[in-house]
Protein backbone atom coordinates (compact mmCIF):
# COMPACT_ATOMS: atom_id res chain seq x y z
CA UNK A 1 -13.86 -18.31 1.32
CA UNK A 2 -12.97 -14.69 0.75
CA UNK A 3 -11.60 -13.67 -2.65
CA UNK A 4 -7.85 -13.31 -2.93
CA UNK A 5 -6.87 -9.64 -2.62
CA UNK A 6 -3.64 -8.28 -4.04
CA UNK A 7 -1.79 -5.61 -2.09
CA UNK A 8 1.24 -3.78 -3.41
CA UNK A 9 3.47 -2.84 -0.48
CA UNK A 10 5.88 -0.02 -1.36
CA UNK A 11 8.33 -0.13 1.54
CA UNK A 12 12.11 0.16 1.71
CA UNK A 13 12.51 -1.13 5.28
CA UNK A 14 12.91 -4.93 5.16
CA UNK A 15 11.82 -5.38 8.80
CA UNK A 16 8.59 -3.41 8.27
CA UNK A 17 7.90 -5.34 5.06
CA UNK A 18 8.42 -8.65 6.89
CA UNK A 19 6.17 -7.57 9.75
CA UNK A 20 3.46 -6.47 7.32
CA UNK A 21 3.63 -9.82 5.52
CA UNK A 22 3.37 -11.72 8.82
CA UNK A 23 0.37 -9.65 9.92
CA UNK A 24 -1.49 -10.38 6.68
CA UNK A 25 -0.61 -14.09 6.82
CA UNK A 26 -2.29 -14.31 10.22
CA UNK A 27 -5.35 -12.35 9.10
CA UNK A 28 -8.77 -13.46 7.97
CA UNK A 29 -8.49 -12.22 4.38
CA UNK A 30 -6.50 -14.10 1.75
CA UNK A 31 -3.87 -11.60 0.66
CA UNK A 32 -1.32 -11.81 -2.12
CA UNK A 33 1.23 -9.30 -0.81
CA UNK A 34 3.54 -8.01 -3.53
CA UNK A 35 6.51 -5.99 -2.28
CA UNK A 36 8.67 -3.35 -3.96
CA UNK A 37 11.21 -1.05 -2.33
CA UNK A 38 10.52 2.38 -3.86
CA UNK A 39 8.29 4.39 -6.16
CA UNK A 40 10.27 3.56 -9.30
CA UNK A 41 9.81 -0.17 -8.67
CA UNK A 42 6.13 0.44 -7.90
CA UNK A 43 5.64 2.03 -11.33
CA UNK A 44 7.49 -0.84 -12.99
CA UNK A 45 5.18 -3.25 -11.15
CA UNK A 46 2.01 -1.38 -12.16
CA UNK A 47 3.14 -1.16 -15.79
CA UNK A 48 4.17 -4.85 -15.86
CA UNK A 49 7.76 -4.10 -16.80
CA UNK A 50 10.66 -6.55 -16.51
CA UNK A 51 10.37 -8.95 -13.56
CA UNK A 52 6.87 -7.58 -12.90
CA UNK A 53 5.48 -8.77 -16.23
CA UNK A 54 2.02 -10.29 -15.80
CA UNK A 55 1.75 -9.52 -12.07
CA UNK A 56 -1.79 -8.99 -10.78
CA UNK A 57 -3.19 -5.47 -10.57
CA UNK A 58 -3.33 -4.49 -6.90
CA UNK A 59 -6.60 -3.96 -5.07
CA UNK A 60 -4.76 -1.66 -2.65
CA UNK A 61 -1.37 0.04 -2.44
CA UNK A 62 0.30 0.49 0.96
CA UNK A 63 2.83 3.27 0.59
CA UNK A 64 5.71 4.40 2.78
CA UNK A 65 6.62 8.05 2.34
CA UNK A 66 10.34 8.02 3.11
CA UNK A 67 12.22 5.89 0.57
CA UNK A 68 15.28 6.25 -1.68
CA UNK A 69 15.09 7.00 -5.40
CA UNK A 70 11.40 7.91 -5.84
CA UNK A 71 9.80 8.53 -2.46
CA UNK A 72 6.17 7.95 -1.57
CA UNK A 73 5.19 11.60 -1.95
CA UNK A 74 6.39 11.72 -5.55
CA UNK A 75 4.89 8.29 -6.34
CA UNK A 76 1.47 9.31 -4.99
CA UNK A 77 1.51 12.58 -6.92
CA UNK A 78 2.40 10.78 -10.18
CA UNK A 79 0.22 7.66 -9.85
CA UNK A 80 -2.94 9.70 -9.31
CA UNK A 81 -2.32 11.49 -12.62
CA UNK A 82 -2.51 8.23 -14.58
CA UNK A 83 -5.97 7.10 -15.62
CA UNK A 84 -5.13 3.36 -15.55
CA UNK A 85 -4.07 3.48 -11.89
CA UNK A 86 -6.00 6.42 -10.43
CA UNK A 87 -8.80 4.23 -9.02
CA UNK A 88 -6.46 2.00 -7.00
CA UNK A 89 -6.73 3.14 -3.38
CA UNK A 90 -3.43 4.20 -1.86
CA UNK A 91 -3.05 4.10 1.91
CA UNK A 92 0.02 5.80 3.31
CA UNK A 93 1.71 3.64 5.97
CA UNK A 94 4.58 5.63 7.44
CA UNK A 95 6.43 6.67 10.58
CA UNK A 96 5.69 10.34 9.91
CA UNK A 97 2.93 11.97 11.89
CA UNK A 98 3.68 15.44 10.52
CA UNK A 99 0.51 17.39 9.79
CA UNK A 100 2.07 18.57 6.51
CA UNK A 101 2.54 14.93 5.36
CA UNK A 102 -1.01 14.02 6.35
CA UNK A 103 -2.49 17.01 4.53
CA UNK A 104 -0.31 16.58 1.44
CA UNK A 105 -1.10 12.87 1.20
CA UNK A 106 -4.85 13.43 1.22
CA UNK A 107 -4.49 16.43 -1.08
CA UNK A 108 -2.63 14.22 -3.59
CA UNK A 109 -5.28 11.50 -3.53
CA UNK A 110 -4.43 9.13 -0.67
CA UNK A 111 -7.39 7.08 0.55
CA UNK A 112 -5.98 6.89 4.07
CA UNK A 113 -3.03 7.72 6.29
CA UNK A 114 -1.73 5.38 9.00
CA UNK A 115 1.17 6.14 11.32
CA UNK A 116 3.21 2.99 11.95
CA UNK A 117 3.03 2.06 15.61
CA UNK A 118 6.30 1.43 17.46
CA UNK A 119 5.40 -1.90 19.08
CA UNK A 120 5.07 -5.10 17.05
CA UNK A 121 1.71 -5.97 18.63
CA UNK A 122 0.29 -2.54 17.84
CA UNK A 123 1.61 -2.77 14.27
CA UNK A 124 -0.07 -6.15 13.73
CA UNK A 125 -3.29 -4.78 15.26
CA UNK A 126 -3.22 -1.80 12.86
CA UNK A 127 -2.77 -4.11 9.86
CA UNK A 128 -5.73 -6.22 11.04
CA UNK A 129 -7.92 -3.12 11.31
CA UNK A 130 -6.81 -2.03 7.85
CA UNK A 131 -7.63 -5.50 6.51
CA UNK A 132 -11.10 -5.44 8.11
CA UNK A 133 -11.85 -2.01 6.71
CA UNK A 134 -10.58 -2.38 3.13
CA UNK A 135 -11.55 -5.98 2.48
CA UNK A 136 -14.57 -6.62 4.66
CA UNK A 137 -16.37 -3.28 5.01
CA UNK A 138 -15.58 -1.06 2.02
CA UNK A 139 -17.26 -1.72 -1.33
CA UNK A 140 -14.79 -1.29 -4.19
CA UNK A 141 -15.32 -1.40 -7.94
CA UNK A 142 -14.42 -4.67 -9.66
CA UNK A 143 -11.37 -4.56 -11.93
CA UNK A 144 -12.04 -4.69 -15.65
């Protein structure tokens, strides 16, 4: 059986978070999906603060760009400055298809950029392709 992979989903929309969880539950890879609602909570999770004490380090971060408090753009910019978290791949998963967001995300260290499809079936299909790529095809360094 495939190793359990931890994904940190940084998403403020409850419906999108639920749909993402459902898509991973139906997938072929065992995924421990951890969910936070904004960049501030994502940093608390990564640093193991408060309710996030002793949570597993994520193998991948799925990041929405448009969120309250600390948005995805600011989170990406800040997380890639920190040595302890810089190697965690961050894939932007957002409704924006603006060229400026795509460029800025890659410029700030994103490992990928996915525009959320409108239909549920297409969304689930995108998550499956993401799962295949990041957990079946790509070779990643083991965590210390």
